[in-house]
Amino acid sequence: MDKTKFDISTDGTVVWVNAEKCLGRFCRFGMEIFARERGGMSFCAGAVHTPTSESTQEDWAIFVQQMKSIHDIDVPEKWMPRRLKEGIVELSGTAVGKAKVHASER
């Protein structure tokens, strides 16, 4: 990826990395990382991971590594979902916060 502007946002449970379109998403049950478009379509970049249980800190590390290797984007630890930072197990269907925070331009 060229060094274009990107945005990292979170609601405290899901983390999105966007640059005009979604490049990556990390949530309780997995992650999706998308690569550039082929013929007008985004495609999964081979880093799709859907664990049978809730995502872990190890899953977060894979997400961070894949965002770096596929898009050359560093996702700092401060963006790690709260439940992973604090060791919280969330109840299914429980919403946590709606405020979004944004990363600065690259």
N, C-alpha and C. Protein backbone atom coordinates (compact mmCIF):
# COMPACT_ATOMS: atom_id res chain seq x y z
N MET A 1 0.85 -1.18 0.00
CA MET A 1 0.00 0.00 0.00
C MET A 1 0.89 1.23 0.00
N ASP A 2 0.52 2.22 -0.81
CA ASP A 2 1.29 3.45 -0.76
C ASP A 2 0.99 4.17 0.54
N LYS A 3 1.82 5.13 0.87
CA LYS A 3 1.71 5.82 2.16
C LYS A 3 0.58 6.85 2.10
N THR A 4 -0.65 6.37 2.00
CA THR A 4 -1.82 7.24 1.96
C THR A 4 -2.41 7.39 3.35
N LYS A 5 -3.36 8.30 3.44
CA LYS A 5 -4.05 8.55 4.70
C LYS A 5 -4.90 7.34 5.07
N PHE A 6 -4.88 6.99 6.34
CA PHE A 6 -5.74 5.92 6.84
C PHE A 6 -6.29 6.35 8.19
N ASP A 7 -7.30 5.63 8.63
CA ASP A 7 -7.99 5.95 9.86
C ASP A 7 -8.17 4.67 10.67
N ILE A 8 -7.90 4.74 11.94
CA ILE A 8 -8.19 3.64 12.85
C ILE A 8 -9.28 4.13 13.79
N SER A 9 -10.34 3.34 13.94
CA SER A 9 -11.40 3.74 14.85
C SER A 9 -11.86 2.53 15.66
N THR A 10 -12.51 2.83 16.78
CA THR A 10 -13.00 1.75 17.65
C THR A 10 -14.21 2.23 18.42
N ASP A 11 -15.03 1.29 18.80
CA ASP A 11 -16.13 1.57 19.72
C ASP A 11 -15.82 0.91 21.07
N GLY A 12 -14.58 0.44 21.22
CA GLY A 12 -14.16 -0.23 22.44
C GLY A 12 -14.18 -1.74 22.33
N THR A 13 -14.93 -2.27 21.37
CA THR A 13 -15.00 -3.72 21.18
C THR A 13 -14.55 -4.15 19.80
N VAL A 14 -14.80 -3.32 18.79
CA VAL A 14 -14.39 -3.60 17.41
C VAL A 14 -13.40 -2.53 16.99
N VAL A 15 -12.38 -2.95 16.24
CA VAL A 15 -11.38 -2.01 15.71
C VAL A 15 -11.46 -2.09 14.19
N TRP A 16 -11.57 -0.91 13.54
CA TRP A 16 -11.59 -0.82 12.09
C TRP A 16 -10.38 -0.05 11.63
N VAL A 17 -9.78 -0.49 10.51
CA VAL A 17 -8.71 0.26 9.85
C VAL A 17 -9.24 0.54 8.45
N ASN A 18 -9.37 1.83 8.11
CA ASN A 18 -9.97 2.24 6.85
C ASN A 18 -9.06 3.20 6.09
N ALA A 19 -9.12 3.14 4.78
CA ALA A 19 -8.49 4.09 3.87
C ALA A 19 -9.42 4.15 2.67
N GLU A 20 -10.43 4.99 2.72
CA GLU A 20 -11.53 5.05 1.77
C GLU A 20 -12.44 3.84 1.89
N LYS A 21 -11.88 2.64 2.04
CA LYS A 21 -12.64 1.41 2.25
C LYS A 21 -12.02 0.67 3.43
N CYS A 22 -12.73 -0.31 3.92
CA CYS A 22 -12.24 -1.08 5.05
C CYS A 22 -11.04 -1.93 4.63
N LEU A 23 -9.93 -1.76 5.35
CA LEU A 23 -8.73 -2.56 5.13
C LEU A 23 -8.67 -3.71 6.12
N GLY A 24 -9.21 -3.50 7.32
CA GLY A 24 -9.17 -4.54 8.32
C GLY A 24 -10.16 -4.28 9.44
N ARG A 25 -10.63 -5.37 10.04
CA ARG A 25 -11.56 -5.28 11.17
C ARG A 25 -11.22 -6.40 12.15
N PHE A 26 -11.15 -6.04 13.42
CA PHE A 26 -10.89 -7.01 14.48
C PHE A 26 -12.04 -6.92 15.47
N CYS A 27 -12.63 -8.08 15.81
CA CYS A 27 -13.75 -8.09 16.75
C CYS A 27 -13.66 -9.30 17.66
N ARG A 28 -14.70 -9.52 18.46
CA ARG A 28 -14.70 -10.60 19.45
C ARG A 28 -14.47 -11.98 18.85
N PHE A 29 -14.99 -12.21 17.65
CA PHE A 29 -14.96 -13.56 17.09
C PHE A 29 -14.06 -13.71 15.88
N GLY A 30 -13.15 -12.76 15.66
CA GLY A 30 -12.22 -12.93 14.57
C GLY A 30 -11.78 -11.62 13.95
N MET A 31 -11.24 -11.75 12.76
CA MET A 31 -10.73 -10.59 12.06
C MET A 31 -10.89 -10.80 10.57
N GLU A 32 -10.91 -9.69 9.86
CA GLU A 32 -10.91 -9.71 8.40
C GLU A 32 -9.90 -8.68 7.95
N ILE A 33 -9.08 -9.06 7.00
CA ILE A 33 -8.13 -8.12 6.41
C ILE A 33 -8.32 -8.19 4.91
N PHE A 34 -8.56 -7.02 4.32
CA PHE A 34 -8.84 -6.95 2.89
C PHE A 34 -7.67 -6.32 2.17
N ALA A 35 -7.44 -6.73 0.94
CA ALA A 35 -6.38 -6.16 0.12
C ALA A 35 -7.00 -5.27 -0.95
N ARG A 36 -6.14 -4.71 -1.77
CA ARG A 36 -6.61 -3.82 -2.84
C ARG A 36 -7.62 -4.51 -3.73
N GLU A 37 -8.33 -3.69 -4.44
CA GLU A 37 -9.38 -4.21 -5.30
C GLU A 37 -8.82 -4.90 -6.54
N ARG A 38 -9.52 -5.92 -6.95
CA ARG A 38 -9.24 -6.61 -8.20
C ARG A 38 -10.50 -6.48 -9.04
N GLY A 39 -10.41 -5.79 -10.15
CA GLY A 39 -11.58 -5.63 -11.00
C GLY A 39 -12.75 -4.98 -10.29
N GLY A 40 -12.47 -4.04 -9.40
CA GLY A 40 -13.52 -3.33 -8.69
C GLY A 40 -14.02 -4.03 -7.43
N MET A 41 -13.44 -5.16 -7.07
CA MET A 41 -13.90 -5.91 -5.90
C MET A 41 -12.77 -6.03 -4.88
N SER A 42 -13.10 -5.83 -3.61
CA SER A 42 -12.13 -6.10 -2.55
C SER A 42 -12.04 -7.60 -2.36
N PHE A 43 -10.90 -8.08 -1.91
CA PHE A 43 -10.78 -9.50 -1.65
C PHE A 43 -10.07 -9.71 -0.32
N CYS A 44 -10.37 -10.82 0.32
CA CYS A 44 -9.70 -11.15 1.57
C CYS A 44 -8.26 -11.48 1.27
N ALA A 45 -7.37 -10.98 2.09
CA ALA A 45 -5.94 -11.11 1.83
C ALA A 45 -5.34 -12.34 2.50
N GLY A 46 -6.12 -13.31 2.81
CA GLY A 46 -5.60 -14.55 3.38
C GLY A 46 -5.41 -14.51 4.87
N ALA A 47 -5.79 -13.43 5.53
CA ALA A 47 -5.61 -13.32 6.97
C ALA A 47 -6.95 -13.39 7.68
N VAL A 48 -7.92 -14.03 7.07
CA VAL A 48 -9.22 -14.18 7.70
C VAL A 48 -9.10 -15.24 8.80
N HIS A 49 -9.58 -14.92 9.97
CA HIS A 49 -9.42 -15.81 11.12
C HIS A 49 -10.70 -15.77 11.93
N THR A 50 -11.35 -16.87 12.11
CA THR A 50 -12.58 -16.92 12.89
C THR A 50 -12.44 -18.00 13.95
N PRO A 51 -12.02 -17.63 15.13
CA PRO A 51 -11.87 -18.64 16.19
C PRO A 51 -13.22 -19.16 16.66
N THR A 52 -13.22 -20.32 17.24
CA THR A 52 -14.46 -20.91 17.76
C THR A 52 -14.84 -20.30 19.10
N SER A 53 -13.91 -19.60 19.72
CA SER A 53 -14.20 -18.89 20.96
C SER A 53 -13.83 -17.43 20.75
N GLU A 54 -13.91 -16.63 21.80
CA GLU A 54 -13.60 -15.21 21.66
C GLU A 54 -12.14 -14.99 21.33
N SER A 55 -11.88 -13.92 20.57
CA SER A 55 -10.52 -13.55 20.18
C SER A 55 -9.65 -13.31 21.41
N THR A 56 -8.37 -13.57 21.25
CA THR A 56 -7.41 -13.45 22.35
C THR A 56 -6.36 -12.39 22.02
N GLN A 57 -5.46 -12.15 22.97
CA GLN A 57 -4.34 -11.24 22.73
C GLN A 57 -3.45 -11.80 21.62
N GLU A 58 -3.34 -13.10 21.52
CA GLU A 58 -2.55 -13.71 20.44
C GLU A 58 -3.20 -13.43 19.08
N ASP A 59 -4.53 -13.46 19.01
CA ASP A 59 -5.24 -13.11 17.77
C ASP A 59 -4.98 -11.66 17.41
N TRP A 60 -4.98 -10.79 18.44
CA TRP A 60 -4.70 -9.37 18.20
C TRP A 60 -3.30 -9.21 17.60
N ALA A 61 -2.33 -9.94 18.13
CA ALA A 61 -0.96 -9.87 17.62
C ALA A 61 -0.91 -10.29 16.15
N ILE A 62 -1.68 -11.30 15.77
CA ILE A 62 -1.74 -11.73 14.36
C ILE A 62 -2.33 -10.61 13.51
N PHE A 63 -3.40 -9.99 13.99
CA PHE A 63 -4.04 -8.89 13.26
C PHE A 63 -3.04 -7.75 13.03
N VAL A 64 -2.34 -7.35 14.08
CA VAL A 64 -1.36 -6.26 13.98
C VAL A 64 -0.26 -6.63 12.98
N GLN A 65 0.24 -7.85 13.05
CA GLN A 65 1.30 -8.30 12.15
C GLN A 65 0.81 -8.32 10.70
N GLN A 66 -0.41 -8.81 10.47
CA GLN A 66 -0.95 -8.87 9.12
C GLN A 66 -1.22 -7.48 8.54
N MET A 67 -1.70 -6.55 9.36
CA MET A 67 -1.91 -5.18 8.88
C MET A 67 -0.58 -4.56 8.45
N LYS A 68 0.47 -4.87 9.18
CA LYS A 68 1.80 -4.37 8.83
C LYS A 68 2.30 -5.02 7.54
N SER A 69 2.20 -6.34 7.45
CA SER A 69 2.77 -7.03 6.28
C SER A 69 1.96 -6.80 5.01
N ILE A 70 0.64 -6.69 5.12
CA ILE A 70 -0.19 -6.52 3.93
C ILE A 70 -0.33 -5.06 3.52
N HIS A 71 -0.52 -4.16 4.51
CA HIS A 71 -0.80 -2.76 4.20
C HIS A 71 0.27 -1.78 4.67
N ASP A 72 1.32 -2.28 5.33
CA ASP A 72 2.37 -1.42 5.90
C ASP A 72 1.79 -0.39 6.86
N ILE A 73 0.81 -0.83 7.64
CA ILE A 73 0.18 0.03 8.64
C ILE A 73 0.49 -0.53 10.02
N ASP A 74 1.04 0.33 10.87
CA ASP A 74 1.29 -0.04 12.26
C ASP A 74 0.02 0.24 13.06
N VAL A 75 -0.48 -0.75 13.76
CA VAL A 75 -1.65 -0.58 14.63
C VAL A 75 -1.13 -0.64 16.06
N PRO A 76 -1.01 0.53 16.72
CA PRO A 76 -0.45 0.55 18.07
C PRO A 76 -1.31 -0.20 19.08
N GLU A 77 -0.67 -0.64 20.15
CA GLU A 77 -1.36 -1.40 21.21
C GLU A 77 -2.51 -0.62 21.82
N LYS A 78 -2.43 0.71 21.79
CA LYS A 78 -3.51 1.51 22.38
C LYS A 78 -4.87 1.23 21.73
N TRP A 79 -4.88 0.66 20.53
CA TRP A 79 -6.12 0.35 19.83
C TRP A 79 -6.66 -1.04 20.18
N MET A 80 -5.94 -1.80 20.96
CA MET A 80 -6.40 -3.13 21.36
C MET A 80 -7.75 -2.99 22.07
N PRO A 81 -8.73 -3.84 21.75
CA PRO A 81 -10.02 -3.76 22.43
C PRO A 81 -9.88 -3.83 23.95
N ARG A 82 -10.74 -3.09 24.63
CA ARG A 82 -10.67 -3.00 26.10
C ARG A 82 -10.68 -4.35 26.78
N ARG A 83 -11.53 -5.25 26.33
CA ARG A 83 -11.65 -6.55 27.02
C ARG A 83 -10.34 -7.32 26.97
N LEU A 84 -9.54 -7.13 25.93
CA LEU A 84 -8.24 -7.80 25.87
C LEU A 84 -7.23 -7.12 26.78
N LYS A 85 -7.26 -5.79 26.82
CA LYS A 85 -6.36 -5.05 27.70
C LYS A 85 -6.65 -5.34 29.17
N GLU A 86 -7.93 -5.42 29.49
CA GLU A 86 -8.34 -5.53 30.88
C GLU A 86 -8.68 -6.96 31.29
N GLY A 87 -8.58 -7.90 30.37
CA GLY A 87 -8.90 -9.28 30.69
C GLY A 87 -10.37 -9.52 30.95
N ILE A 88 -11.24 -8.73 30.30
CA ILE A 88 -12.68 -8.82 30.52
C ILE A 88 -13.29 -9.83 29.54
N VAL A 89 -14.18 -10.64 30.03
CA VAL A 89 -14.96 -11.54 29.17
C VAL A 89 -16.32 -10.88 29.02
N GLU A 90 -16.71 -10.57 27.78
CA GLU A 90 -17.98 -9.89 27.53
C GLU A 90 -19.11 -10.89 27.40
N LEU A 91 -20.29 -10.48 27.81
CA LEU A 91 -21.48 -11.30 27.63
C LEU A 91 -21.98 -11.11 26.20
N SER A 92 -22.48 -12.14 25.61
CA SER A 92 -23.01 -12.07 24.25
C SER A 92 -24.08 -11.00 24.16
N GLY A 93 -23.97 -10.14 23.13
CA GLY A 93 -24.97 -9.11 22.90
C GLY A 93 -24.79 -7.86 23.73
N THR A 94 -23.78 -7.78 24.56
CA THR A 94 -23.56 -6.61 25.39
C THR A 94 -22.79 -5.56 24.60
N ALA A 95 -23.34 -4.38 24.51
CA ALA A 95 -22.67 -3.29 23.80
C ALA A 95 -21.85 -2.48 24.80
N VAL A 96 -20.67 -2.07 24.37
CA VAL A 96 -19.80 -1.27 25.23
C VAL A 96 -19.42 0.00 24.48
N GLY A 97 -19.92 1.14 24.91
CA GLY A 97 -19.53 2.43 24.35
C GLY A 97 -19.81 2.59 22.87
N LYS A 98 -20.02 3.80 22.44
CA LYS A 98 -20.24 4.08 21.03
C LYS A 98 -19.31 5.17 20.50
N ALA A 99 -18.57 5.84 21.36
CA ALA A 99 -17.70 6.92 20.90
C ALA A 99 -16.55 6.35 20.09
N LYS A 100 -16.27 6.98 18.96
CA LYS A 100 -15.17 6.55 18.13
C LYS A 100 -14.00 7.50 18.33
N VAL A 101 -12.81 6.96 18.32
CA VAL A 101 -11.60 7.75 18.38
C VAL A 101 -10.82 7.45 17.12
N HIS A 102 -10.07 8.42 16.65
CA HIS A 102 -9.42 8.29 15.36
C HIS A 102 -7.91 8.47 15.44
N ALA A 103 -7.20 7.72 14.61
CA ALA A 103 -5.75 7.86 14.53
C ALA A 103 -5.42 9.08 13.68
N SER A 104 -4.24 9.60 13.86
CA SER A 104 -3.80 10.71 13.02
C SER A 104 -3.37 10.19 11.66
N GLU A 105 -3.18 11.10 10.72
CA GLU A 105 -2.76 10.71 9.39
C GLU A 105 -1.37 10.10 9.44
N ARG A 106 -1.12 9.29 8.49
CA ARG A 106 0.22 8.72 8.34
C ARG A 106 1.06 9.70 7.57
